[in-house]
Amino acid sequence: MSLVRAFRGATQLSVDSTSEMQEAVIELLSAIIDSNRLSKEDLISILFTATPDLRCDFPAAAGRSMGLNDVPLICAQEIEVKGALERTVRVMVHAYSPLSRKEIAHKYLRGAAVLRPDLGNS
């Protein structure tokens, strides 16, 4: 039986550029989708946040470039917290999945792996 589940992740860009945004977000979404055996049809919606220092592009543009044109995507600005990790895109994917909460593979890539060392991301 498939239930609605939330899949989390984050990535850190090395620079604020459109090409870096595309590459990093596609890498992150692909890791979440592949490691959790999700199909495009399983996806319900995707919420992206970006730190205020990222102004080059919308993270959702990378999702659309992956062919997720019929999946609702929305972007928001991450709250500005002193000392927070810079140039970071966070994502929450809502999808139908038979996985239990304990089986879900959340992905924190690049420099964002420091946000959740308990997950042992790569």
PDB file of N, CA and C in Angstrom:
ATOM      1  N   MET A   1       0.850  -1.176   0.000  1.00  0.00           N
ATOM      2  CA  MET A   1       0.000   0.000   0.000  1.00  0.00           C
ATOM      3  C   MET A   1       0.898   1.243   0.000  1.00  0.00           C
ATOM      4  N   SER A   2       0.616   2.168  -0.887  1.00  0.00           N
ATOM      5  CA  SER A   2       1.366   3.418  -0.941  1.00  0.00           C
ATOM      6  C   SER A   2       0.684   4.494  -0.111  1.00  0.00           C
ATOM      7  N   LEU A   3       1.487   5.217   0.650  1.00  0.00           N
ATOM      8  CA  LEU A   3       1.025   6.328   1.461  1.00  0.00           C
ATOM      9  C   LEU A   3       1.704   7.598   0.977  1.00  0.00           C
ATOM     10  N   VAL A   4       1.191   8.742   1.380  1.00  0.00           N
ATOM     11  CA  VAL A   4       1.859  10.000   1.077  1.00  0.00           C
ATOM     12  C   VAL A   4       3.038  10.128   2.043  1.00  0.00           C
ATOM     13  N   ARG A   5       4.216  10.348   1.474  1.00  0.00           N
ATOM     14  CA  ARG A   5       5.437  10.480   2.261  1.00  0.00           C
ATOM     15  C   ARG A   5       6.155  11.770   1.861  1.00  0.00           C
ATOM     16  N   ALA A   6       7.005  12.261   2.756  1.00  0.00           N
ATOM     17  CA  ALA A   6       7.828  13.431   2.483  1.00  0.00           C
ATOM     18  C   ALA A   6       9.286  12.998   2.462  1.00  0.00           C
ATOM     19  N   PHE A   7       9.996  13.421   1.441  1.00  0.00           N
ATOM     20  CA  PHE A   7      11.396  13.085   1.239  1.00  0.00           C
ATOM     21  C   PHE A   7      12.184  14.390   1.276  1.00  0.00           C
ATOM     22  N   ARG A   8      13.184  14.471   2.159  1.00  0.00           N
ATOM     23  CA  ARG A   8      13.920  15.711   2.372  1.00  0.00           C
ATOM     24  C   ARG A   8      15.322  15.626   1.798  1.00  0.00           C
ATOM     25  N   GLY A   9      15.864  16.812   1.531  1.00  0.00           N
ATOM     26  CA  GLY A   9      17.248  16.872   1.098  1.00  0.00           C
ATOM     27  C   GLY A   9      17.717  18.299   0.972  1.00  0.00           C
ATOM     28  N   ALA A  10      19.020  18.439   0.769  1.00  0.00           N
ATOM     29  CA  ALA A  10      19.621  19.753   0.571  1.00  0.00           C
ATOM     30  C   ALA A  10      20.930  19.587  -0.177  1.00  0.00           C
ATOM     31  N   THR A  11      21.343  20.668  -0.798  1.00  0.00           N
ATOM     32  CA  THR A  11      22.626  20.705  -1.480  1.00  0.00           C
ATOM     33  C   THR A  11      23.194  22.099  -1.355  1.00  0.00           C
ATOM     34  N   GLN A  12      24.504  22.197  -1.466  1.00  0.00           N
ATOM     35  CA  GLN A  12      25.146  23.498  -1.390  1.00  0.00           C
ATOM     36  C   GLN A  12      25.839  23.787  -2.718  1.00  0.00           C
ATOM     37  N   LEU A  13      25.560  24.970  -3.250  1.00  0.00           N
ATOM     38  CA  LEU A  13      26.214  25.400  -4.480  1.00  0.00           C
ATOM     39  C   LEU A  13      27.577  25.985  -4.150  1.00  0.00           C
ATOM     40  N   SER A  14      28.541  25.801  -5.047  1.00  0.00           N
ATOM     41  CA  SER A  14      29.865  26.385  -4.827  1.00  0.00           C
ATOM     42  C   SER A  14      29.875  27.857  -5.214  1.00  0.00           C
ATOM     43  N   VAL A  15      29.023  28.228  -6.180  1.00  0.00           N
ATOM     44  CA  VAL A  15      28.881  29.618  -6.620  1.00  0.00           C
ATOM     45  C   VAL A  15      27.423  29.872  -6.967  1.00  0.00           C
ATOM     46  N   ASP A  16      27.031  31.127  -6.973  1.00  0.00           N
ATOM     47  CA  ASP A  16      25.669  31.520  -7.336  1.00  0.00           C
ATOM     48  C   ASP A  16      25.589  31.705  -8.849  1.00  0.00           C
ATOM     49  N   SER A  17      25.387  30.603  -9.573  1.00  0.00           N
ATOM     50  CA  SER A  17      25.276  30.671 -11.028  1.00  0.00           C
ATOM     51  C   SER A  17      24.173  29.738 -11.500  1.00  0.00           C
ATOM     52  N   THR A  18      23.567  30.085 -12.620  1.00  0.00           N
ATOM     53  CA  THR A  18      22.470  29.283 -13.164  1.00  0.00           C
ATOM     54  C   THR A  18      22.921  27.862 -13.465  1.00  0.00           C
ATOM     55  N   SER A  19      24.091  27.701 -14.053  1.00  0.00           N
ATOM     56  CA  SER A  19      24.560  26.350 -14.390  1.00  0.00           C
ATOM     57  C   SER A  19      24.807  25.520 -13.134  1.00  0.00           C
ATOM     58  N   GLU A  20      25.366  26.141 -12.104  1.00  0.00           N
ATOM     59  CA  GLU A  20      25.598  25.435 -10.841  1.00  0.00           C
ATOM     60  C   GLU A  20      24.274  25.066 -10.175  1.00  0.00           C
ATOM     61  N   MET A  21      23.289  25.968 -10.231  1.00  0.00           N
ATOM     62  CA  MET A  21      21.962  25.690  -9.675  1.00  0.00           C
ATOM     63  C   MET A  21      21.347  24.484 -10.379  1.00  0.00           C
ATOM     64  N   GLN A  22      21.363  24.502 -11.703  1.00  0.00           N
ATOM     65  CA  GLN A  22      20.801  23.390 -12.474  1.00  0.00           C
ATOM     66  C   GLN A  22      21.471  22.062 -12.109  1.00  0.00           C
ATOM     67  N   GLU A  23      22.787  22.063 -12.127  1.00  0.00           N
ATOM     68  CA  GLU A  23      23.535  20.840 -11.856  1.00  0.00           C
ATOM     69  C   GLU A  23      23.272  20.305 -10.451  1.00  0.00           C
ATOM     70  N   ALA A  24      23.342  21.177  -9.455  1.00  0.00           N
ATOM     71  CA  ALA A  24      23.189  20.750  -8.066  1.00  0.00           C
ATOM     72  C   ALA A  24      21.768  20.267  -7.764  1.00  0.00           C
ATOM     73  N   VAL A  25      20.762  20.974  -8.276  1.00  0.00           N
ATOM     74  CA  VAL A  25      19.373  20.598  -7.991  1.00  0.00           C
ATOM     75  C   VAL A  25      18.996  19.320  -8.734  1.00  0.00           C
ATOM     76  N   ILE A  26      19.432  19.179  -9.967  1.00  0.00           N
ATOM     77  CA  ILE A  26      19.166  17.931 -10.703  1.00  0.00           C
ATOM     78  C   ILE A  26      19.831  16.752  -9.999  1.00  0.00           C
ATOM     79  N   GLU A  27      21.063  16.939  -9.539  1.00  0.00           N
ATOM     80  CA  GLU A  27      21.769  15.890  -8.800  1.00  0.00           C
ATOM     81  C   GLU A  27      20.987  15.508  -7.537  1.00  0.00           C
ATOM     82  N   LEU A  28      20.498  16.500  -6.809  1.00  0.00           N
ATOM     83  CA  LEU A  28      19.761  16.252  -5.566  1.00  0.00           C
ATOM     84  C   LEU A  28      18.435  15.545  -5.832  1.00  0.00           C
ATOM     85  N   LEU A  29      17.649  16.077  -6.757  1.00  0.00           N
ATOM     86  CA  LEU A  29      16.359  15.443  -7.060  1.00  0.00           C
ATOM     87  C   LEU A  29      16.553  14.022  -7.578  1.00  0.00           C
ATOM     88  N   SER A  30      17.537  13.821  -8.432  1.00  0.00           N
ATOM     89  CA  SER A  30      17.812  12.475  -8.969  1.00  0.00           C
ATOM     90  C   SER A  30      18.185  11.517  -7.847  1.00  0.00           C
ATOM     91  N   ALA A  31      18.994  11.979  -6.895  1.00  0.00           N
ATOM     92  CA  ALA A  31      19.394  11.123  -5.774  1.00  0.00           C
ATOM     93  C   ALA A  31      18.186  10.738  -4.920  1.00  0.00           C
ATOM     94  N   ILE A  32      17.310  11.686  -4.655  1.00  0.00           N
ATOM     95  CA  ILE A  32      16.110  11.400  -3.857  1.00  0.00           C
ATOM     96  C   ILE A  32      15.190  10.437  -4.598  1.00  0.00           C
ATOM     97  N   ILE A  33      14.932  10.724  -5.856  1.00  0.00           N
ATOM     98  CA  ILE A  33      14.021   9.894  -6.657  1.00  0.00           C
ATOM     99  C   ILE A  33      14.577   8.486  -6.840  1.00  0.00           C
ATOM    100  N   ASP A  34      15.854   8.385  -7.210  1.00  0.00           N
ATOM    101  CA  ASP A  34      16.459   7.069  -7.469  1.00  0.00           C
ATOM    102  C   ASP A  34      16.592   6.232  -6.199  1.00  0.00           C
ATOM    103  N   SER A  35      17.090   6.824  -5.127  1.00  0.00           N
ATOM    104  CA  SER A  35      17.338   6.039  -3.913  1.00  0.00           C
ATOM    105  C   SER A  35      16.048   5.594  -3.229  1.00  0.00           C
ATOM    106  N   ASN A  36      14.946   6.275  -3.522  1.00  0.00           N
ATOM    107  CA  ASN A  36      13.662   5.896  -2.934  1.00  0.00           C
ATOM    108  C   ASN A  36      12.742   5.192  -3.931  1.00  0.00           C
ATOM    109  N   ARG A  37      13.308   4.869  -5.092  1.00  0.00           N
ATOM    110  CA  ARG A  37      12.583   4.126  -6.143  1.00  0.00           C
ATOM    111  C   ARG A  37      11.245   4.791  -6.491  1.00  0.00           C
ATOM    112  N   LEU A  38      11.295   6.114  -6.661  1.00  0.00           N
ATOM    113  CA  LEU A  38      10.094   6.866  -7.028  1.00  0.00           C
ATOM    114  C   LEU A  38      10.026   7.013  -8.540  1.00  0.00           C
ATOM    115  N   SER A  39       8.811   7.046  -9.055  1.00  0.00           N
ATOM    116  CA  SER A  39       8.605   7.355 -10.470  1.00  0.00           C
ATOM    117  C   SER A  39       7.995   8.749 -10.561  1.00  0.00           C
ATOM    118  N   LYS A  40       8.004   9.302 -11.742  1.00  0.00           N
ATOM    119  CA  LYS A  40       7.396  10.617 -11.954  1.00  0.00           C
ATOM    120  C   LYS A  40       5.925  10.597 -11.540  1.00  0.00           C
ATOM    121  N   GLU A  41       5.256   9.495 -11.779  1.00  0.00           N
ATOM    122  CA  GLU A  41       3.834   9.375 -11.438  1.00  0.00           C
ATOM    123  C   GLU A  41       3.593   9.336  -9.932  1.00  0.00           C
ATOM    124  N   ASP A  42       4.604   8.976  -9.146  1.00  0.00           N
ATOM    125  CA  ASP A  42       4.478   8.954  -7.686  1.00  0.00           C
ATOM    126  C   ASP A  42       4.507  10.354  -7.094  1.00  0.00           C
ATOM    127  N   LEU A  43       5.109  11.307  -7.804  1.00  0.00           N
ATOM    128  CA  LEU A  43       5.338  12.649  -7.270  1.00  0.00           C
ATOM    129  C   LEU A  43       4.043  13.437  -7.151  1.00  0.00           C
ATOM    130  N   ILE A  44       3.860  14.087  -6.013  1.00  0.00           N
ATOM    131  CA  ILE A  44       2.689  14.921  -5.758  1.00  0.00           C
ATOM    132  C   ILE A  44       3.055  16.390  -5.914  1.00  0.00           C
ATOM    133  N   SER A  45       4.103  16.832  -5.216  1.00  0.00           N
ATOM    134  CA  SER A  45       4.558  18.217  -5.301  1.00  0.00           C
ATOM    135  C   SER A  45       5.970  18.306  -4.740  1.00  0.00           C
ATOM    136  N   ILE A  46       6.651  19.393  -5.081  1.00  0.00           N
ATOM    137  CA  ILE A  46       8.005  19.620  -4.576  1.00  0.00           C
ATOM    138  C   ILE A  46       8.125  21.066  -4.126  1.00  0.00           C
ATOM    139  N   LEU A  47       8.585  21.245  -2.884  1.00  0.00           N
ATOM    140  CA  LEU A  47       8.834  22.556  -2.310  1.00  0.00           C
ATOM    141  C   LEU A  47      10.340  22.762  -2.233  1.00  0.00           C
ATOM    142  N   PHE A  48      10.808  23.873  -2.780  1.00  0.00           N
ATOM    143  CA  PHE A  48      12.221  24.238  -2.726  1.00  0.00           C
ATOM    144  C   PHE A  48      12.368  25.487  -1.870  1.00  0.00           C
ATOM    145  N   THR A  49      13.435  25.555  -1.081  1.00  0.00           N
ATOM    146  CA  THR A  49      13.824  26.817  -0.461  1.00  0.00           C
ATOM    147  C   THR A  49      15.272  27.071  -0.847  1.00  0.00           C
ATOM    148  N   ALA A  50      15.615  28.347  -0.912  1.00  0.00           N
ATOM    149  CA  ALA A  50      16.988  28.747  -1.220  1.00  0.00           C
ATOM    150  C   ALA A  50      17.399  29.829  -0.237  1.00  0.00           C
ATOM    151  N   THR A  51      18.648  29.809   0.169  1.00  0.00           N
ATOM    152  CA  THR A  51      19.148  30.838   1.072  1.00  0.00           C
ATOM    153  C   THR A  51      19.155  32.177   0.340  1.00  0.00           C
ATOM    154  N   PRO A  52      19.053  33.282   1.082  1.00  0.00           N
ATOM    155  CA  PRO A  52      18.923  34.610   0.460  1.00  0.00           C
ATOM    156  C   PRO A  52      20.089  35.004  -0.449  1.00  0.00           C
ATOM    157  N   ASP A  53      21.239  34.349  -0.310  1.00  0.00           N
ATOM    158  CA  ASP A  53      22.393  34.684  -1.156  1.00  0.00           C
ATOM    159  C   ASP A  53      22.332  34.033  -2.535  1.00  0.00           C
ATOM    160  N   LEU A  54      21.317  33.219  -2.804  1.00  0.00           N
ATOM    161  CA  LEU A  54      21.139  32.615  -4.130  1.00  0.00           C
ATOM    162  C   LEU A  54      20.107  33.417  -4.912  1.00  0.00           C
ATOM    163  N   ARG A  55      20.575  34.062  -5.971  1.00  0.00           N
ATOM    164  CA  ARG A  55      19.704  34.930  -6.773  1.00  0.00           C
ATOM    165  C   ARG A  55      19.749  34.597  -8.261  1.00  0.00           C
ATOM    166  N   CYS A  56      20.520  33.600  -8.646  1.00  0.00           N
ATOM    167  CA  CYS A  56      20.780  33.316 -10.058  1.00  0.00           C
ATOM    168  C   CYS A  56      19.581  32.729 -10.794  1.00  0.00           C
ATOM    169  N   ASP A  57      18.765  31.925 -10.107  1.00  0.00           N
ATOM    170  CA  ASP A  57      17.674  31.224 -10.779  1.00  0.00           C
ATOM    171  C   ASP A  57      16.766  30.594  -9.725  1.00  0.00           C
ATOM    172  N   PHE A  58      15.619  30.135 -10.179  1.00  0.00           N
ATOM    173  CA  PHE A  58      14.697  29.402  -9.313  1.00  0.00           C
ATOM    174  C   PHE A  58      15.105  27.929  -9.300  1.00  0.00           C
ATOM    175  N   PRO A  59      15.212  27.298  -8.138  1.00  0.00           N
ATOM    176  CA  PRO A  59      15.507  25.865  -8.117  1.00  0.00           C
ATOM    177  C   PRO A  59      14.478  25.034  -8.899  1.00  0.00           C
ATOM    178  N   ALA A  60      13.243  25.483  -8.914  1.00  0.00           N
ATOM    179  CA  ALA A  60      12.203  24.748  -9.640  1.00  0.00           C
ATOM    180  C   ALA A  60      12.485  24.676 -11.137  1.00  0.00           C
ATOM    181  N   ALA A  61      13.238  25.627 -11.665  1.00  0.00           N
ATOM    182  CA  ALA A  61      13.586  25.588 -13.097  1.00  0.00           C
ATOM    183  C   ALA A  61      14.365  24.318 -13.411  1.00  0.00           C
ATOM    184  N   ALA A  62      15.199  23.861 -12.491  1.00  0.00           N
ATOM    185  CA  ALA A  62      15.936  22.616 -12.695  1.00  0.00           C
ATOM    186  C   ALA A  62      14.981  21.428 -12.721  1.00  0.00           C
ATOM    187  N   GLY A  63      13.966  21.452 -11.850  1.00  0.00           N
ATOM    188  CA  GLY A  63      12.955  20.393 -11.865  1.00  0.00           C
ATOM    189  C   GLY A  63      12.213  20.336 -13.182  1.00  0.00           C
ATOM    190  N   ARG A  64      11.859  21.510 -13.696  1.00  0.00           N
ATOM    191  CA  ARG A  64      11.175  21.536 -14.993  1.00  0.00           C
ATOM    192  C   ARG A  64      12.086  21.015 -16.099  1.00  0.00           C
ATOM    193  N   SER A  65      13.385  21.308 -16.004  1.00  0.00           N
ATOM    194  CA  SER A  65      14.318  20.837 -17.036  1.00  0.00           C
ATOM    195  C   SER A  65      14.464  19.318 -17.010  1.00  0.00           C
ATOM    196  N   MET A  66      14.078  18.689 -15.892  1.00  0.00           N
ATOM    197  CA  MET A  66      14.085  17.227 -15.776  1.00  0.00           C
ATOM    198  C   MET A  66      12.799  16.611 -16.313  1.00  0.00           C
ATOM    199  N   GLY A  67      11.891  17.433 -16.792  1.00  0.00           N
ATOM    200  CA  GLY A  67      10.631  16.922 -17.317  1.00  0.00           C
ATOM    201  C   GLY A  67       9.514  16.857 -16.290  1.00  0.00           C
ATOM    202  N   LEU A  68       9.674  17.526 -15.163  1.00  0.00           N
ATOM    203  CA  LEU A  68       8.636  17.519 -14.131  1.00  0.00           C
ATOM    204  C   LEU A  68       7.644  18.654 -14.357  1.00  0.00           C
ATOM    205  N   ASN A  69       7.198  18.796 -15.574  1.00  0.00           N
ATOM    206  CA  ASN A  69       6.318  19.907 -15.952  1.00  0.00           C
ATOM    207  C   ASN A  69       4.903  19.789 -15.405  1.00  0.00           C
ATOM    208  N   ASP A  70       4.446  18.583 -15.104  1.00  0.00           N
ATOM    209  CA  ASP A  70       3.084  18.420 -14.592  1.00  0.00           C
ATOM    210  C   ASP A  70       3.057  18.168 -13.080  1.00  0.00           C
ATOM    211  N   VAL A  71       4.205  18.332 -12.420  1.00  0.00           N
ATOM    212  CA  VAL A  71       4.291  18.215 -10.962  1.00  0.00           C
ATOM    213  C   VAL A  71       4.314  19.632 -10.395  1.00  0.00           C
ATOM    214  N   PRO A  72       3.441  19.962  -9.451  1.00  0.00           N
ATOM    215  CA  PRO A  72       3.486  21.302  -8.859  1.00  0.00           C
ATOM    216  C   PRO A  72       4.814  21.538  -8.140  1.00  0.00           C
ATOM    217  N   LEU A  73       5.497  22.606  -8.527  1.00  0.00           N
ATOM    218  CA  LEU A  73       6.780  22.994  -7.940  1.00  0.00           C
ATOM    219  C   LEU A  73       6.654  24.417  -7.426  1.00  0.00           C
ATOM    220  N   ILE A  74       7.224  24.694  -6.255  1.00  0.00           N
ATOM    221  CA  ILE A  74       7.181  26.052  -5.723  1.00  0.00           C
ATOM    222  C   ILE A  74       8.488  26.343  -4.999  1.00  0.00           C
ATOM    223  N   CYS A  75       8.903  27.593  -5.074  1.00  0.00           N
ATOM    224  CA  CYS A  75      10.133  28.039  -4.421  1.00  0.00           C
ATOM    225  C   CYS A  75       9.796  29.065  -3.350  1.00  0.00           C
ATOM    226  N   ALA A  76      10.619  29.078  -2.311  1.00  0.00           N
ATOM    227  CA  ALA A  76      10.506  30.076  -1.249  1.00  0.00           C
ATOM    228  C   ALA A  76      11.912  30.407  -0.777  1.00  0.00           C
ATOM    229  N   GLN A  77      12.026  31.548  -0.122  1.00  0.00           N
ATOM    230  CA  GLN A  77      13.322  31.927   0.422  1.00  0.00           C
ATOM    231  C   GLN A  77      13.453  31.375   1.830  1.00  0.00           C
ATOM    232  N   GLU A  78      14.589  30.761   2.095  1.00  0.00           N
ATOM    233  CA  GLU A  78      14.897  30.237   3.419  1.00  0.00           C
ATOM    234  C   GLU A  78      15.052  31.422   4.379  1.00  0.00           C
ATOM    235  N   ILE A  79      14.670  31.254   5.618  1.00  0.00           N
ATOM    236  CA  ILE A  79      14.847  32.341   6.569  1.00  0.00           C
ATOM    237  C   ILE A  79      16.339  32.601   6.765  1.00  0.00           C
ATOM    238  N   GLU A  80      16.670  33.859   6.970  1.00  0.00           N
ATOM    239  CA  GLU A  80      18.066  34.247   7.123  1.00  0.00           C
ATOM    240  C   GLU A  80      18.457  34.126   8.597  1.00  0.00           C
ATOM    241  N   VAL A  81      19.298  33.157   8.882  1.00  0.00           N
ATOM    242  CA  VAL A  81      19.750  32.895  10.239  1.00  0.00           C
ATOM    243  C   VAL A  81      21.258  33.104  10.290  1.00  0.00           C
ATOM    244  N   LYS A  82      21.707  33.878  11.241  1.00  0.00           N
ATOM    245  CA  LYS A  82      23.134  34.156  11.381  1.00  0.00           C
ATOM    246  C   LYS A  82      23.903  32.839  11.541  1.00  0.00           C
ATOM    247  N   GLY A  83      24.935  32.680  10.720  1.00  0.00           N
ATOM    248  CA  GLY A  83      25.773  31.487  10.787  1.00  0.00           C
ATOM    249  C   GLY A  83      25.252  30.296  10.000  1.00  0.00           C
ATOM    250  N   ALA A  84      24.108  30.451   9.319  1.00  0.00           N
ATOM    251  CA  ALA A  84      23.549  29.342   8.542  1.00  0.00           C
ATOM    252  C   ALA A  84      24.427  29.036   7.329  1.00  0.00           C
ATOM    253  N   LEU A  85      24.340  27.825   6.843  1.00  0.00           N
ATOM    254  CA  LEU A  85      25.103  27.389   5.675  1.00  0.00           C
ATOM    255  C   LEU A  85      24.721  28.241   4.463  1.00  0.00           C
ATOM    256  N   GLU A  86      25.705  28.773   3.777  1.00  0.00           N
ATOM    257  CA  GLU A  86      25.474  29.644   2.618  1.00  0.00           C
ATOM    258  C   GLU A  86      25.170  28.833   1.355  1.00  0.00           C
ATOM    259  N   ARG A  87      24.558  29.516   0.384  1.00  0.00           N
ATOM    260  CA  ARG A  87      24.305  28.969  -0.959  1.00  0.00           C
ATOM    261  C   ARG A  87      23.668  27.577  -0.898  1.00  0.00           C
ATOM    262  N   THR A  88      22.624  27.462  -0.103  1.00  0.00           N
ATOM    263  CA  THR A  88      21.993  26.160   0.124  1.00  0.00           C
ATOM    264  C   THR A  88      20.573  26.117  -0.423  1.00  0.00           C
ATOM    265  N   VAL A  89      20.286  25.039  -1.129  1.00  0.00           N
ATOM    266  CA  VAL A  89      18.932  24.749  -1.615  1.00  0.00           C
ATOM    267  C   VAL A  89      18.437  23.545  -0.834  1.00  0.00           C
ATOM    268  N   ARG A  90      17.263  23.707  -0.250  1.00  0.00           N
ATOM    269  CA  ARG A  90      16.612  22.599   0.451  1.00  0.00           C
ATOM    270  C   ARG A  90      15.390  22.176  -0.357  1.00  0.00           C
ATOM    271  N   VAL A  91      15.007  20.925  -0.201  1.00  0.00           N
ATOM    272  CA  VAL A  91      13.865  20.412  -0.952  1.00  0.00           C
ATOM    273  C   VAL A  91      13.044  19.487  -0.067  1.00  0.00           C
ATOM    274  N   MET A  92      11.729  19.539  -0.280  1.00  0.00           N
ATOM    275  CA  MET A  92      10.830  18.559   0.317  1.00  0.00           C
ATOM    276  C   MET A  92       9.945  18.037  -0.809  1.00  0.00           C
ATOM    277  N   VAL A  93      10.101  16.767  -1.081  1.00  0.00           N
ATOM    278  CA  VAL A  93       9.340  16.093  -2.136  1.00  0.00           C
ATOM    279  C   VAL A  93       8.196  15.334  -1.477  1.00  0.00           C
ATOM    280  N   HIS A  94       6.983  15.598  -1.922  1.00  0.00           N
ATOM    281  CA  HIS A  94       5.822  14.828  -1.462  1.00  0.00           C
ATOM    282  C   HIS A  94       5.503  13.808  -2.545  1.00  0.00           C
ATOM    283  N   ALA A  95       5.362  12.536  -2.134  1.00  0.00           N
ATOM    284  CA  ALA A  95       5.133  11.479  -3.126  1.00  0.00           C
ATOM    285  C   ALA A  95       4.399  10.308  -2.480  1.00  0.00           C
ATOM    286  N   TYR A  96       3.774   9.510  -3.336  1.00  0.00           N
ATOM    287  CA  TYR A  96       3.194   8.244  -2.896  1.00  0.00           C
ATOM    288  C   TYR A  96       4.316   7.220  -2.843  1.00  0.00           C
ATOM    289  N   SER A  97       4.383   6.455  -1.757  1.00  0.00           N
ATOM    290  CA  SER A  97       5.447   5.472  -1.619  1.00  0.00           C
ATOM    291  C   SER A  97       5.025   4.374  -0.646  1.00  0.00           C
ATOM    292  N   PRO A  98       5.447   3.144  -0.920  1.00  0.00           N
ATOM    293  CA  PRO A  98       5.197   2.061   0.034  1.00  0.00           C
ATOM    294  C   PRO A  98       6.239   2.016   1.151  1.00  0.00           C
ATOM    295  N   LEU A  99       7.273   2.860   1.075  1.00  0.00           N
ATOM    296  CA  LEU A  99       8.334   2.846   2.085  1.00  0.00           C
ATOM    297  C   LEU A  99       7.813   3.341   3.431  1.00  0.00           C
ATOM    298  N   SER A 100       8.321   2.738   4.495  1.00  0.00           N
ATOM    299  CA  SER A 100       8.017   3.242   5.834  1.00  0.00           C
ATOM    300  C   SER A 100       8.889   4.472   6.064  1.00  0.00           C
ATOM    301  N   ARG A 101       8.579   5.255   7.075  1.00  0.00           N
ATOM    302  CA  ARG A 101       9.396   6.434   7.384  1.00  0.00           C
ATOM    303  C   ARG A 101      10.850   6.052   7.639  1.00  0.00           C
ATOM    304  N   LYS A 102      11.067   4.919   8.271  1.00  0.00           N
ATOM    305  CA  LYS A 102      12.437   4.475   8.574  1.00  0.00           C
ATOM    306  C   LYS A 102      13.192   4.056   7.313  1.00  0.00           C
ATOM    307  N   GLU A 103      12.482   3.670   6.272  1.00  0.00           N
ATOM    308  CA  GLU A 103      13.127   3.219   5.034  1.00  0.00           C
ATOM    309  C   GLU A 103      13.459   4.365   4.078  1.00  0.00           C
ATOM    310  N   ILE A 104      12.896   5.520   4.300  1.00  0.00           N
ATOM    311  CA  ILE A 104      13.106   6.652   3.392  1.00  0.00           C
ATOM    312  C   ILE A 104      14.561   7.105   3.441  1.00  0.00           C
ATOM    313  N   ALA A 105      15.120   7.360   2.252  1.00  0.00           N
ATOM    314  CA  ALA A 105      16.498   7.860   2.140  1.00  0.00           C
ATOM    315  C   ALA A 105      16.443   9.355   1.843  1.00  0.00           C
ATOM    316  N   HIS A 106      16.684  10.167   2.861  1.00  0.00           N
ATOM    317  CA  HIS A 106      16.801  11.609   2.682  1.00  0.00           C
ATOM    318  C   HIS A 106      18.221  11.884   2.202  1.00  0.00           C
ATOM    319  N   LYS A 107      18.415  12.900   1.363  1.00  0.00           N
ATOM    320  CA  LYS A 107      19.721  13.135   0.751  1.00  0.00           C
ATOM    321  C   LYS A 107      20.231  14.544   1.018  1.00  0.00           C
ATOM    322  N   TYR A 108      21.399  14.627   1.596  1.00  0.00           N
ATOM    323  CA  TYR A 108      22.075  15.898   1.843  1.00  0.00           C
ATOM    324  C   TYR A 108      23.425  15.810   1.153  1.00  0.00           C
ATOM    325  N   LEU A 109      23.570  16.564   0.065  1.00  0.00           N
ATOM    326  CA  LEU A 109      24.728  16.418  -0.813  1.00  0.00           C
ATOM    327  C   LEU A 109      25.662  17.619  -0.742  1.00  0.00           C
ATOM    328  N   ARG A 110      26.826  17.406  -1.290  1.00  0.00           N
ATOM    329  CA  ARG A 110      27.859  18.430  -1.350  1.00  0.00           C
ATOM    330  C   ARG A 110      28.095  18.977   0.052  1.00  0.00           C
ATOM    331  N   GLY A 111      28.252  20.265   0.197  1.00  0.00           N
ATOM    332  CA  GLY A 111      28.510  20.859   1.505  1.00  0.00           C
ATOM    333  C   GLY A 111      27.350  20.745   2.466  1.00  0.00           C
ATOM    334  N   ALA A 112      26.143  20.477   1.956  1.00  0.00           N
ATOM    335  CA  ALA A 112      24.960  20.388   2.819  1.00  0.00           C
ATOM    336  C   ALA A 112      24.936  19.114   3.649  1.00  0.00           C
ATOM    337  N   ALA A 113      25.838  18.199   3.397  1.00  0.00           N
ATOM    338  CA  ALA A 113      25.903  16.972   4.200  1.00  0.00           C
ATOM    339  C   ALA A 113      26.143  17.289   5.674  1.00  0.00           C
ATOM    340  N   VAL A 114      26.744  18.449   5.976  1.00  0.00           N
ATOM    341  CA  VAL A 114      26.990  18.833   7.377  1.00  0.00           C
ATOM    342  C   VAL A 114      25.685  19.141   8.115  1.00  0.00           C
ATOM    343  N   LEU A 115      24.618  19.401   7.383  1.00  0.00           N
ATOM    344  CA  LEU A 115      23.336  19.702   8.022  1.00  0.00           C
ATOM    345  C   LEU A 115      22.736  18.475   8.699  1.00  0.00           C
ATOM    346  N   ARG A 116      23.001  17.299   8.170  1.00  0.00           N
ATOM    347  CA  ARG A 116      22.437  16.065   8.717  1.00  0.00           C
ATOM    348  C   ARG A 116      23.482  14.951   8.702  1.00  0.00           C
ATOM    349  N   PRO A 117      24.524  15.068   9.512  1.00  0.00           N
ATOM    350  CA  PRO A 117      25.557  14.023   9.538  1.00  0.00           C
ATOM    351  C   PRO A 117      25.018  12.678  10.018  1.00  0.00           C
ATOM    352  N   ASP A 118      23.891  12.699  10.714  1.00  0.00           N
ATOM    353  CA  ASP A 118      23.280  11.464  11.202  1.00  0.00           C
ATOM    354  C   ASP A 118      22.760  10.578  10.086  1.00  0.00           C
ATOM    355  N   LEU A 119      22.593  11.142   8.886  1.00  0.00           N
ATOM    356  CA  LEU A 119      22.044  10.378   7.777  1.00  0.00           C
ATOM    357  C   LEU A 119      23.114   9.680   6.938  1.00  0.00           C
ATOM    358  N   GLY A 120      24.364  10.039   7.110  1.00  0.00           N
ATOM    359  CA  GLY A 120      25.444   9.392   6.375  1.00  0.00           C
ATOM    360  C   GLY A 120      25.313   9.514   4.880  1.00  0.00           C
ATOM    361  N   ASN A 121      24.974  10.689   4.398  1.00  0.00           N
ATOM    362  CA  ASN A 121      24.777  10.919   2.963  1.00  0.00           C
ATOM    363  C   ASN A 121      26.098  10.939   2.222  1.00  0.00           C
ATOM    364  N   SER A 122      25.977  10.703   0.926  1.00  0.00           N
ATOM    365  CA  SER A 122      27.148  10.805   0.066  1.00  0.00           C
ATOM    366  C   SER A 122      26.782  11.532  -1.193  1.00  0.00           C
TER     367      SER A 122
END
